[in-house]
Amino acid sequence: MARFKRILLKLSGESLAGEQKQGINIERLNDYARQIKEIAGMGVQIGIVIGGGNIFRGLSGAGKGFDRVKGDQMGMCATVINSLALSSALGAIGQKNRVLTAIRMEPIGEFYSKWKAIEAMENGEVVIMSGGTGSPYFTTDTGSSLRGIEIEADVMLKGTRVDGIYTADPEKDPTATKFHDITYSDVIAKGLKVMDITATAMCMQNNLPIYVFNMDILGNLKKVIDGEEIGTLVHN
């Protein structure tokens, strides 16, 4: 039996780029699609939020002279591009899915509402929620927290390129040790870079657990759903 009935899966745009660091790595995209279809077949209801950092990041754009609001709007559009790519990859392997957008842009995607998202998930569709929150100054981490809370997900699964949360960046510090579980308060107090503070605080206030794991290893998403402890749980 699946560990969770309904999940919010958060994927970073950078993860879609793979080793090429920008754009979309088709092999990585297809790996993700296969993993998502596998757990959909187990009856798990799936909502997905994807970042856009592989294409454009609003905050970094502001540092290069872009107007911050326009930069963030460009970042929102980047998340839509990634969402359409994942939608296409899922459709190619026979997985029903739907792209919802936080800003009206039919016919690219349907305008988001909680009820539309839940109805689609209950009908077996994977729902990809794009465009962040629809407002500037909010990260896609905050957008994923908001959507996870709205759709009443059991957990937010944060798929990354590392296998959990560490005391320091394991790619830079070989002495870094992994947390198997940690509280939201400790994440904030220790300054651990799981998500931005706003996103973490939203999850804490609404009791939405976060599970951080390595999505880049094929089969890991199913392992999380099966209850294998391969990452880090953040909780109250």
Protein backbone atom coordinates (compact mmCIF):
# COMPACT_ATOMS: atom_id res chain seq x y z
CA MET A 1 0.00 0.00 0.00
CA ALA A 2 1.25 3.49 -0.87
CA ARG A 3 2.56 5.53 2.05
CA PHE A 4 0.74 8.66 0.84
CA LYS A 5 -2.59 9.14 -0.92
CA ARG A 6 -1.90 12.61 -2.36
CA ILE A 7 1.46 14.29 -2.84
CA LEU A 8 2.88 17.58 -4.03
CA LEU A 9 6.08 16.83 -5.93
CA LYS A 10 8.45 19.81 -6.17
CA LEU A 11 11.10 19.61 -8.88
CA SER A 12 13.76 22.23 -9.50
CA GLY A 13 14.33 23.61 -12.96
CA GLU A 14 18.05 22.97 -12.54
CA SER A 15 17.39 19.27 -12.05
CA LEU A 16 15.73 19.12 -15.48
CA ALA A 17 18.91 20.52 -17.02
CA GLY A 18 21.01 17.58 -15.85
CA GLU A 19 24.76 17.86 -16.40
CA GLN A 20 24.33 20.47 -19.13
CA LYS A 21 23.33 23.00 -16.41
CA GLN A 22 20.78 24.84 -18.56
CA GLY A 23 17.87 24.04 -20.83
CA ILE A 24 16.11 20.67 -20.66
CA ASN A 25 17.94 17.35 -20.66
CA ILE A 26 15.56 15.01 -22.50
CA GLU A 27 16.93 11.87 -20.84
CA ARG A 28 16.42 13.38 -17.38
CA LEU A 29 12.94 14.59 -18.34
CA ASN A 30 11.94 11.12 -19.52
CA ASP A 31 13.38 9.51 -16.38
CA TYR A 32 11.21 11.79 -14.25
CA ALA A 33 8.14 11.03 -16.38
CA ARG A 34 8.64 7.27 -15.95
CA GLN A 35 9.01 7.60 -12.18
CA ILE A 36 5.88 9.74 -11.96
CA LYS A 37 3.83 7.34 -14.09
CA GLU A 38 4.99 4.44 -11.91
CA ILE A 39 3.56 5.90 -8.71
CA ALA A 40 0.43 7.15 -10.49
CA GLY A 41 -0.16 3.50 -11.33
CA MET A 42 -0.11 2.75 -7.60
CA GLY A 43 -3.11 5.04 -7.12
CA VAL A 44 -1.19 8.01 -5.74
CA GLN A 45 -2.76 11.39 -6.57
CA ILE A 46 0.00 13.65 -7.86
CA GLY A 47 0.35 17.41 -8.04
CA ILE A 48 3.62 18.81 -9.40
CA VAL A 49 5.34 22.19 -9.23
CA ILE A 50 8.49 22.75 -11.30
CA GLY A 51 10.92 25.64 -10.98
CA GLY A 52 12.31 27.56 -13.93
CA GLY A 53 15.94 28.12 -12.96
CA ASN A 54 17.26 26.12 -15.92
CA ILE A 55 15.80 28.78 -18.20
CA PHE A 56 15.56 32.04 -16.23
CA ARG A 57 15.64 33.04 -12.57
CA GLY A 58 13.95 36.32 -11.72
CA LEU A 59 16.17 37.25 -8.79
CA SER A 60 19.39 36.78 -10.75
CA GLY A 61 17.85 38.76 -13.59
CA ALA A 62 17.26 41.67 -11.21
CA GLY A 63 20.97 41.60 -10.40
CA LYS A 64 21.73 42.07 -14.10
CA GLY A 65 19.56 45.12 -14.53
CA PHE A 66 16.14 43.61 -15.21
CA ASP A 67 13.15 45.14 -13.50
CA ARG A 68 12.42 42.73 -10.61
CA VAL A 69 8.73 42.32 -11.41
CA LYS A 70 9.39 41.67 -15.10
CA GLY A 71 12.24 39.33 -14.17
CA ASP A 72 9.95 37.32 -11.89
CA GLN A 73 7.31 37.20 -14.62
CA MET A 74 9.94 35.82 -17.00
CA GLY A 75 10.72 33.20 -14.36
CA MET A 76 7.03 32.30 -14.16
CA CYS A 77 6.99 31.79 -17.93
CA ALA A 78 10.06 29.54 -17.57
CA THR A 79 8.11 27.30 -15.19
CA VAL A 80 5.36 27.03 -17.80
CA ILE A 81 7.89 25.90 -20.43
CA ASN A 82 9.19 23.20 -18.07
CA SER A 83 5.64 22.15 -17.19
CA LEU A 84 4.71 21.76 -20.85
CA ALA A 85 7.85 19.68 -21.42
CA LEU A 86 6.95 17.34 -18.55
CA SER A 87 3.34 17.18 -19.73
CA SER A 88 4.54 16.14 -23.19
CA ALA A 89 6.88 13.49 -21.74
CA LEU A 90 4.08 12.06 -19.59
CA GLY A 91 1.64 12.05 -22.50
CA ALA A 92 4.16 10.21 -24.67
CA ILE A 93 4.13 7.26 -22.25
CA GLY A 94 0.37 7.23 -21.84
CA GLN A 95 0.01 9.09 -18.55
CA LYS A 96 -3.00 11.40 -18.41
CA ASN A 97 -2.04 14.84 -17.17
CA ARG A 98 -3.13 18.45 -17.10
CA VAL A 99 -1.20 21.74 -16.99
CA LEU A 100 -2.72 24.50 -14.86
CA THR A 101 -1.33 28.03 -14.86
CA ALA A 102 -1.38 30.63 -12.09
CA ILE A 103 -1.91 33.34 -14.72
CA ARG A 104 -4.48 33.05 -17.49
CA MET A 105 -2.79 31.86 -20.69
CA GLU A 106 -5.29 29.60 -22.43
CA PRO A 107 -4.87 27.53 -24.57
CA ILE A 108 -1.38 26.83 -23.19
CA GLY A 109 -2.89 25.67 -19.91
CA GLU A 110 -6.06 25.99 -17.87
CA PHE A 111 -6.34 28.70 -15.22
CA TYR A 112 -5.55 27.19 -11.81
CA SER A 113 -8.11 26.58 -9.10
CA LYS A 114 -7.92 24.27 -6.12
CA TRP A 115 -11.13 22.50 -7.09
CA LYS A 116 -10.04 21.94 -10.68
CA ALA A 117 -6.73 20.49 -9.49
CA ILE A 118 -8.33 18.14 -6.97
CA GLU A 119 -11.01 16.95 -9.39
CA ALA A 120 -8.37 16.13 -12.01
CA MET A 121 -6.20 14.25 -9.49
CA GLU A 122 -9.18 12.26 -8.26
CA ASN A 123 -9.83 11.29 -11.89
CA GLY A 124 -6.32 9.87 -12.22
CA GLU A 125 -4.64 12.81 -13.93
CA VAL A 126 -1.22 14.10 -12.93
CA VAL A 127 -1.69 17.83 -12.35
CA ILE A 128 1.23 20.12 -13.19
CA MET A 129 0.78 23.55 -11.59
CA SER A 130 2.85 26.21 -13.31
CA GLY A 131 3.46 29.94 -13.06
CA GLY A 132 4.48 29.97 -9.40
CA THR A 133 1.99 31.89 -7.27
CA GLY A 134 1.19 34.22 -10.16
CA SER A 135 2.75 37.13 -8.27
CA PRO A 136 6.31 38.50 -8.24
CA TYR A 137 8.65 38.31 -5.22
CA PHE A 138 7.62 34.72 -4.44
CA THR A 139 9.87 31.74 -5.18
CA THR A 140 8.67 28.49 -6.71
CA ASP A 141 9.40 26.93 -3.31
CA THR A 142 6.76 29.23 -1.85
CA GLY A 143 4.50 28.38 -4.77
CA SER A 144 4.91 24.67 -4.09
CA SER A 145 4.14 25.18 -0.38
CA LEU A 146 1.02 27.14 -1.28
CA ARG A 147 -0.19 24.56 -3.80
CA GLY A 148 0.59 21.66 -1.46
CA ILE A 149 -1.48 23.26 1.29
CA GLU A 150 -4.32 24.17 -1.09
CA ILE A 151 -4.68 20.70 -2.60
CA GLU A 152 -4.50 19.16 0.90
CA ALA A 153 -1.47 17.02 0.07
CA ASP A 154 -0.26 14.53 2.66
CA VAL A 155 3.34 15.57 2.04
CA MET A 156 5.55 17.71 -0.15
CA LEU A 157 8.20 15.56 -1.81
CA LYS A 158 11.15 17.75 -2.77
CA GLY A 159 13.12 15.95 -5.46
CA THR A 160 16.71 17.17 -5.57
CA ARG A 161 20.16 15.95 -6.65
CA VAL A 162 21.18 15.08 -3.07
CA ASP A 163 19.74 12.36 -0.85
CA GLY A 164 18.45 14.59 1.94
CA ILE A 165 19.38 17.49 4.19
CA TYR A 166 22.92 17.76 5.56
CA THR A 167 24.66 19.86 8.20
CA ALA A 168 26.52 21.53 5.30
CA ASP A 169 26.67 21.22 1.52
CA PRO A 170 27.91 17.63 1.00
CA GLU A 171 29.24 18.58 -2.43
CA LYS A 172 31.61 21.06 -0.78
CA ASP A 173 32.15 19.67 2.74
CA PRO A 174 33.10 15.97 3.04
CA THR A 175 32.47 16.08 6.81
CA ALA A 176 28.80 17.03 6.35
CA THR A 177 26.38 14.61 8.03
CA LYS A 178 22.83 13.80 6.99
CA PHE A 179 19.67 14.38 9.01
CA HIS A 180 17.16 11.54 8.80
CA ASP A 181 14.53 13.86 10.23
CA ILE A 182 14.50 17.44 11.50
CA THR A 183 11.92 19.99 12.63
CA TYR A 184 10.98 23.06 10.63
CA SER A 185 12.16 25.22 13.54
CA ASP A 186 15.61 23.63 13.46
CA VAL A 187 15.83 24.08 9.69
CA ILE A 188 15.14 27.80 10.11
CA ALA A 189 17.36 28.22 13.20
CA LYS A 190 20.32 26.43 11.61
CA GLY A 191 19.92 28.31 8.34
CA LEU A 192 19.74 25.07 6.35
CA LYS A 193 18.98 25.71 2.70
CA VAL A 194 16.02 23.37 2.23
CA MET A 195 13.64 26.03 0.93
CA ASP A 196 13.35 29.74 1.55
CA ILE A 197 12.10 30.82 4.98
CA THR A 198 8.66 31.86 3.71
CA ALA A 199 8.04 28.46 2.13
CA THR A 200 9.30 26.59 5.21
CA ALA A 201 7.21 28.72 7.57
CA MET A 202 4.07 28.10 5.48
CA CYS A 203 4.60 24.34 5.72
CA MET A 204 5.23 24.60 9.46
CA GLN A 205 2.11 26.69 10.12
CA ASN A 206 -0.08 24.37 8.05
CA ASN A 207 1.57 21.12 9.17
CA LEU A 208 2.62 20.02 5.67
CA PRO A 209 5.59 17.63 6.03
CA ILE A 210 8.48 17.97 3.58
CA TYR A 211 10.48 14.95 2.43
CA VAL A 212 13.76 15.72 0.68
CA PHE A 213 15.28 12.98 -1.47
CA ASN A 214 17.38 12.35 -4.57
CA MET A 215 15.01 12.23 -7.54
CA ASP A 216 17.84 11.74 -10.03
CA ILE A 217 18.19 8.04 -9.19
CA LEU A 218 15.64 6.05 -11.16
CA GLY A 219 13.19 4.29 -8.84
CA ASN A 220 13.72 6.58 -5.84
CA LEU A 221 10.29 8.18 -6.08
CA LYS A 222 8.64 4.77 -5.74
CA LYS A 223 10.92 3.94 -2.81
CA VAL A 224 9.68 7.05 -0.99
CA ILE A 225 6.06 6.11 -1.70
CA ASP A 226 6.77 2.56 -0.50
CA GLY A 227 8.04 3.95 2.81
CA GLU A 228 11.77 3.39 2.39
CA GLU A 229 13.80 5.90 4.40
CA ILE A 230 16.13 7.26 1.73
CA GLY A 231 15.89 10.99 2.45
CA THR A 232 15.14 13.53 5.19
CA LEU A 233 11.73 14.26 6.73
CA VAL A 234 10.99 17.82 7.90
CA HIS A 235 8.12 18.04 10.36
CA ASN A 236 6.71 19.86 13.40
